[in-house]
PDB file of N, CA and C in Angstrom:
ATOM      1  N   MET A   1     171.897 110.381 106.955  1.00  0.00           N
ATOM      2  CA  MET A   1     171.467 109.567 105.822  1.00  0.00           C
ATOM      3  C   MET A   1     172.531 109.630 104.731  1.00  0.00           C
ATOM      4  N   ASP A   2     172.591 108.577 103.938  1.00  0.00           N
ATOM      5  CA  ASP A   2     173.680 108.488 102.976  1.00  0.00           C
ATOM      6  C   ASP A   2     173.313 108.814 101.535  1.00  0.00           C
ATOM      7  N   GLY A   3     172.046 108.997 101.192  1.00  0.00           N
ATOM      8  CA  GLY A   3     171.692 109.442  99.849  1.00  0.00           C
ATOM      9  C   GLY A   3     171.645 108.365  98.791  1.00  0.00           C
ATOM     10  N   ARG A   4     171.531 107.098  99.186  1.00  0.00           N
ATOM     11  CA  ARG A   4     171.438 106.023  98.197  1.00  0.00           C
ATOM     12  C   ARG A   4     169.993 105.702  97.817  1.00  0.00           C
ATOM     13  N   ASN A   5     169.031 106.146  98.633  1.00  0.00           N
ATOM     14  CA  ASN A   5     167.612 105.943  98.338  1.00  0.00           C
ATOM     15  C   ASN A   5     167.026 107.218  97.754  1.00  0.00           C
ATOM     16  N   ARG A   6     166.380 107.089  96.592  1.00  0.00           N
ATOM     17  CA  ARG A   6     165.832 108.251  95.901  1.00  0.00           C
ATOM     18  C   ARG A   6     164.769 108.950  96.747  1.00  0.00           C
ATOM     19  N   SER A   7     164.036 108.182  97.552  1.00  0.00           N
ATOM     20  CA  SER A   7     162.956 108.756  98.365  1.00  0.00           C
ATOM     21  C   SER A   7     163.479 109.716  99.437  1.00  0.00           C
ATOM     22  N   ASP A   8     164.766 109.594  99.801  1.00  0.00           N
ATOM     23  CA  ASP A   8     165.365 110.474 100.814  1.00  0.00           C
ATOM     24  C   ASP A   8     165.862 111.796 100.236  1.00  0.00           C
ATOM     25  N   VAL A   9     166.044 111.846  98.907  1.00  0.00           N
ATOM     26  CA  VAL A   9     166.638 113.023  98.257  1.00  0.00           C
ATOM     27  C   VAL A   9     165.543 113.806  97.544  1.00  0.00           C
ATOM     28  N   LYS A  10     165.400 115.085  97.908  1.00  0.00           N
ATOM     29  CA  LYS A  10     164.360 115.920  97.320  1.00  0.00           C
ATOM     30  C   LYS A  10     164.946 117.292  96.963  1.00  0.00           C
ATOM     31  N   PRO A  11     164.412 117.936  95.926  1.00  0.00           N
ATOM     32  CA  PRO A  11     164.871 119.288  95.601  1.00  0.00           C
ATOM     33  C   PRO A  11     164.717 120.218  96.801  1.00  0.00           C
ATOM     34  N   GLY A  12     165.744 121.050  97.020  1.00  0.00           N
ATOM     35  CA  GLY A  12     165.702 122.018  98.110  1.00  0.00           C
ATOM     36  C   GLY A  12     166.449 121.590  99.358  1.00  0.00           C
ATOM     37  N   ILE A  13     166.832 120.310  99.461  1.00  0.00           N
ATOM     38  CA  ILE A  13     167.564 119.885 100.660  1.00  0.00           C
ATOM     39  C   ILE A  13     169.065 120.095 100.464  1.00  0.00           C
ATOM     40  N   GLU A  14     169.784 120.232 101.564  1.00  0.00           N
ATOM     41  CA  GLU A  14     171.236 120.410 101.525  1.00  0.00           C
ATOM     42  C   GLU A  14     171.916 119.046 101.550  1.00  0.00           C
ATOM     43  N   VAL A  15     172.914 118.885 100.685  1.00  0.00           N
ATOM     44  CA  VAL A  15     173.608 117.604 100.555  1.00  0.00           C
ATOM     45  C   VAL A  15     175.103 117.810 100.381  1.00  0.00           C
ATOM     46  N   ALA A  16     175.839 116.717 100.584  1.00  0.00           N
ATOM     47  CA  ALA A  16     177.253 116.652 100.236  1.00  0.00           C
ATOM     48  C   ALA A  16     177.359 115.664  99.088  1.00  0.00           C
ATOM     49  N   ILE A  17     177.962 116.084  97.970  1.00  0.00           N
ATOM     50  CA  ILE A  17     178.097 115.219  96.799  1.00  0.00           C
ATOM     51  C   ILE A  17     179.573 115.023  96.461  1.00  0.00           C
ATOM     52  N   VAL A  18     179.828 113.986  95.677  1.00  0.00           N
ATOM     53  CA  VAL A  18     181.151 113.771  95.108  1.00  0.00           C
ATOM     54  C   VAL A  18     181.028 114.019  93.606  1.00  0.00           C
ATOM     55  N   LEU A  19     181.787 114.984  93.108  1.00  0.00           N
ATOM     56  CA  LEU A  19     181.819 115.272  91.681  1.00  0.00           C
ATOM     57  C   LEU A  19     182.592 114.177  90.958  1.00  0.00           C
ATOM     58  N   LYS A  20     182.355 114.004  89.661  1.00  0.00           N
ATOM     59  CA  LYS A  20     183.035 112.978  88.864  1.00  0.00           C
ATOM     60  C   LYS A  20     184.557 113.106  88.989  1.00  0.00           C
ATOM     61  N   ASN A  21     185.069 114.325  88.917  1.00  0.00           N
ATOM     62  CA  ASN A  21     186.523 114.548  88.996  1.00  0.00           C
ATOM     63  C   ASN A  21     187.101 114.247  90.376  1.00  0.00           C
ATOM     64  N   ASP A  22     186.249 114.222  91.392  1.00  0.00           N
ATOM     65  CA  ASP A  22     186.715 114.014  92.769  1.00  0.00           C
ATOM     66  C   ASP A  22     186.473 112.596  93.278  1.00  0.00           C
ATOM     67  N   GLN A  23     186.051 111.687  92.390  1.00  0.00           N
ATOM     68  CA  GLN A  23     185.719 110.334  92.843  1.00  0.00           C
ATOM     69  C   GLN A  23     186.919 109.617  93.456  1.00  0.00           C
ATOM     70  N   ARG A  24     188.101 109.801  92.902  1.00  0.00           N
ATOM     71  CA  ARG A  24     189.286 109.131  93.442  1.00  0.00           C
ATOM     72  C   ARG A  24     189.655 109.654  94.827  1.00  0.00           C
ATOM     73  N   SER A  25     189.590 110.966  94.997  1.00  0.00           N
ATOM     74  CA  SER A  25     189.979 111.566  96.281  1.00  0.00           C
ATOM     75  C   SER A  25     188.846 111.507  97.307  1.00  0.00           C
ATOM     76  N   GLY A  26     187.597 111.462  96.829  1.00  0.00           N
ATOM     77  CA  GLY A  26     186.455 111.444  97.740  1.00  0.00           C
ATOM     78  C   GLY A  26     186.104 112.815  98.295  1.00  0.00           C
ATOM     79  N   LYS A  27     186.662 113.889  97.692  1.00  0.00           N
ATOM     80  CA  LYS A  27     186.398 115.254  98.163  1.00  0.00           C
ATOM     81  C   LYS A  27     184.911 115.579  98.014  1.00  0.00           C
ATOM     82  N   LEU A  28     184.334 116.117  99.081  1.00  0.00           N
ATOM     83  CA  LEU A  28     182.911 116.435  99.080  1.00  0.00           C
ATOM     84  C   LEU A  28     182.667 117.886  98.684  1.00  0.00           C
ATOM     85  N   THR A  29     181.571 118.106  97.981  1.00  0.00           N
ATOM     86  CA  THR A  29     181.114 119.437  97.603  1.00  0.00           C
ATOM     87  C   THR A  29     179.727 119.606  98.205  1.00  0.00           C
ATOM     88  N   TYR A  30     179.484 120.749  98.828  1.00  0.00           N
ATOM     89  CA  TYR A  30     178.217 120.967  99.524  1.00  0.00           C
ATOM     90  C   TYR A  30     177.333 121.921  98.735  1.00  0.00           C
ATOM     91  N   GLY A  31     176.026 121.675  98.774  1.00  0.00           N
ATOM     92  CA  GLY A  31     175.098 122.555  98.081  1.00  0.00           C
ATOM     93  C   GLY A  31     173.668 122.103  98.261  1.00  0.00           C
ATOM     94  N   THR A  32     172.765 122.766  97.525  1.00  0.00           N
ATOM     95  CA  THR A  32     171.333 122.503  97.592  1.00  0.00           C
ATOM     96  C   THR A  32     170.885 121.819  96.308  1.00  0.00           C
ATOM     97  N   VAL A  33     170.088 120.770  96.448  1.00  0.00           N
ATOM     98  CA  VAL A  33     169.617 119.993  95.298  1.00  0.00           C
ATOM     99  C   VAL A  33     168.642 120.817  94.466  1.00  0.00           C
ATOM    100  N   GLN A  34     168.882 120.827  93.143  1.00  0.00           N
ATOM    101  CA  GLN A  34     167.948 121.453  92.204  1.00  0.00           C
ATOM    102  C   GLN A  34     167.146 120.372  91.488  1.00  0.00           C
ATOM    103  N   ASP A  35     167.852 119.364  90.918  1.00  0.00           N
ATOM    104  CA  ASP A  35     167.199 118.294  90.152  1.00  0.00           C
ATOM    105  C   ASP A  35     167.768 116.945  90.549  1.00  0.00           C
ATOM    106  N   LEU A  36     166.921 115.903  90.485  1.00  0.00           N
ATOM    107  CA  LEU A  36     167.372 114.525  90.641  1.00  0.00           C
ATOM    108  C   LEU A  36     167.586 113.950  89.249  1.00  0.00           C
ATOM    109  N   LEU A  37     168.753 113.359  89.018  1.00  0.00           N
ATOM    110  CA  LEU A  37     169.082 112.855  87.691  1.00  0.00           C
ATOM    111  C   LEU A  37     169.021 111.332  87.604  1.00  0.00           C
ATOM    112  N   THR A  38     168.988 110.641  88.739  1.00  0.00           N
ATOM    113  CA  THR A  38     168.870 109.183  88.761  1.00  0.00           C
ATOM    114  C   THR A  38     167.393 108.819  88.852  1.00  0.00           C
ATOM    115  N   ASN A  39     166.946 107.907  87.974  1.00  0.00           N
ATOM    116  CA  ASN A  39     165.541 107.514  87.970  1.00  0.00           C
ATOM    117  C   ASN A  39     165.240 106.316  88.868  1.00  0.00           C
ATOM    118  N   SER A  40     166.240 105.468  89.135  1.00  0.00           N
ATOM    119  CA  SER A  40     165.988 104.271  89.936  1.00  0.00           C
ATOM    120  C   SER A  40     165.753 104.632  91.404  1.00  0.00           C
ATOM    121  N   LYS A  41     165.059 103.759  92.125  1.00  0.00           N
ATOM    122  CA  LYS A  41     164.735 103.995  93.536  1.00  0.00           C
ATOM    123  C   LYS A  41     165.962 103.922  94.435  1.00  0.00           C
ATOM    124  N   PHE A  42     166.987 103.173  94.010  1.00  0.00           N
ATOM    125  CA  PHE A  42     168.196 102.962  94.808  1.00  0.00           C
ATOM    126  C   PHE A  42     169.401 102.931  93.883  1.00  0.00           C
ATOM    127  N   HIS A  43     170.498 103.530  94.318  1.00  0.00           N
ATOM    128  CA  HIS A  43     171.760 103.425  93.583  1.00  0.00           C
ATOM    129  C   HIS A  43     172.875 103.225  94.602  1.00  0.00           C
ATOM    130  N   PRO A  44     173.701 102.173  94.436  1.00  0.00           N
ATOM    131  CA  PRO A  44     174.720 101.852  95.444  1.00  0.00           C
ATOM    132  C   PRO A  44     175.775 102.936  95.654  1.00  0.00           C
ATOM    133  N   HIS A  45     175.999 103.804  94.669  1.00  0.00           N
ATOM    134  CA  HIS A  45     177.004 104.856  94.798  1.00  0.00           C
ATOM    135  C   HIS A  45     176.395 106.212  95.131  1.00  0.00           C
ATOM    136  N   GLY A  46     175.078 106.264  95.281  1.00  0.00           N
ATOM    137  CA  GLY A  46     174.401 107.513  95.596  1.00  0.00           C
ATOM    138  C   GLY A  46     173.573 108.022  94.431  1.00  0.00           C
ATOM    139  N   ILE A  47     172.499 108.710  94.737  1.00  0.00           N
ATOM    140  CA  ILE A  47     171.620 109.283  93.726  1.00  0.00           C
ATOM    141  C   ILE A  47     172.332 110.469  93.072  1.00  0.00           C
ATOM    142  N   LYS A  48     172.311 110.506  91.738  1.00  0.00           N
ATOM    143  CA  LYS A  48     172.960 111.612  91.018  1.00  0.00           C
ATOM    144  C   LYS A  48     172.024 112.817  90.999  1.00  0.00           C
ATOM    145  N   VAL A  49     172.575 113.990  91.355  1.00  0.00           N
ATOM    146  CA  VAL A  49     171.777 115.217  91.421  1.00  0.00           C
ATOM    147  C   VAL A  49     172.523 116.379  90.763  1.00  0.00           C
ATOM    148  N   ARG A  50     171.750 117.422  90.437  1.00  0.00           N
ATOM    149  CA  ARG A  50     172.318 118.702  90.003  1.00  0.00           C
ATOM    150  C   ARG A  50     172.045 119.686  91.112  1.00  0.00           C
ATOM    151  N   LEU A  51     173.092 120.394  91.545  1.00  0.00           N
ATOM    152  CA  LEU A  51     172.945 121.413  92.578  1.00  0.00           C
ATOM    153  C   LEU A  51     172.451 122.714  91.964  1.00  0.00           C
ATOM    154  N   THR A  52     172.029 123.648  92.803  1.00  0.00           N
ATOM    155  CA  THR A  52     171.521 124.932  92.318  1.00  0.00           C
ATOM    156  C   THR A  52     172.592 125.723  91.571  1.00  0.00           C
ATOM    157  N   ASP A  53     173.892 125.445  91.842  1.00  0.00           N
ATOM    158  CA  ASP A  53     174.961 126.141  91.117  1.00  0.00           C
ATOM    159  C   ASP A  53     175.371 125.413  89.837  1.00  0.00           C
ATOM    160  N   GLY A  54     174.665 124.315  89.485  1.00  0.00           N
ATOM    161  CA  GLY A  54     174.906 123.622  88.225  1.00  0.00           C
ATOM    162  C   GLY A  54     175.842 122.426  88.307  1.00  0.00           C
ATOM    163  N   GLN A  55     176.497 122.214  89.437  1.00  0.00           N
ATOM    164  CA  GLN A  55     177.410 121.080  89.572  1.00  0.00           C
ATOM    165  C   GLN A  55     176.611 119.782  89.691  1.00  0.00           C
ATOM    166  N   VAL A  56     177.169 118.696  89.117  1.00  0.00           N
ATOM    167  CA  VAL A  56     176.502 117.397  89.108  1.00  0.00           C
ATOM    168  C   VAL A  56     177.374 116.376  89.812  1.00  0.00           C
ATOM    169  N   GLY A  57     176.756 115.597  90.686  1.00  0.00           N
ATOM    170  CA  GLY A  57     177.492 114.543  91.376  1.00  0.00           C
ATOM    171  C   GLY A  57     176.556 113.611  92.102  1.00  0.00           C
ATOM    172  N   ARG A  58     177.148 112.627  92.792  1.00  0.00           N
ATOM    173  CA  ARG A  58     176.358 111.639  93.530  1.00  0.00           C
ATOM    174  C   ARG A  58     176.314 111.994  95.013  1.00  0.00           C
ATOM    175  N   VAL A  59     175.109 111.904  95.591  1.00  0.00           N
ATOM    176  CA  VAL A  59     174.894 112.259  96.998  1.00  0.00           C
ATOM    177  C   VAL A  59     175.610 111.244  97.898  1.00  0.00           C
ATOM    178  N   LYS A  60     176.461 111.748  98.776  1.00  0.00           N
ATOM    179  CA  LYS A  60     177.135 110.913  99.767  1.00  0.00           C
ATOM    180  C   LYS A  60     176.572 111.131 101.159  1.00  0.00           C
ATOM    181  N   GLU A  61     175.973 112.297 101.372  1.00  0.00           N
ATOM    182  CA  GLU A  61     175.459 112.607 102.701  1.00  0.00           C
ATOM    183  C   GLU A  61     174.345 113.642 102.580  1.00  0.00           C
ATOM    184  N   ILE A  62     173.291 113.448 103.365  1.00  0.00           N
ATOM    185  CA  ILE A  62     172.214 114.430 103.440  1.00  0.00           C
ATOM    186  C   ILE A  62     172.430 115.235 104.715  1.00  0.00           C
ATOM    187  N   ILE A  63     172.488 116.555 104.590  1.00  0.00           N
ATOM    188  CA  ILE A  63     172.748 117.437 105.725  1.00  0.00           C
ATOM    189  C   ILE A  63     171.424 117.743 106.419  1.00  0.00           C
ATOM    190  N   ILE A  64     171.314 117.343 107.669  1.00  0.00           N
ATOM    191  CA  ILE A  64     170.098 117.582 108.438  1.00  0.00           C
ATOM    192  C   ILE A  64     170.349 118.747 109.384  1.00  0.00           C
ATOM    193  N   LYS A  65     169.475 119.732 109.308  1.00  0.00           N
ATOM    194  CA  LYS A  65     169.627 120.928 110.140  1.00  0.00           C
ATOM    195  C   LYS A  65     168.773 120.844 111.374  1.00  0.00           C
TER     196      LYS A  65
END
């Protein structure tokens, strides 16, 4: 899943996000969702989240175990 639908992203799941500083390079950062920061049901660039370590970025991939 790609993380553009808010219904797919929930606190506690593992995701790959792109931080604001890494948008040009597309470097992914992995972690666990703490909070959802985007209120809309869909966002074309990914739902913005805060990870448990405090980093904020847009979800590019949901890690399914």
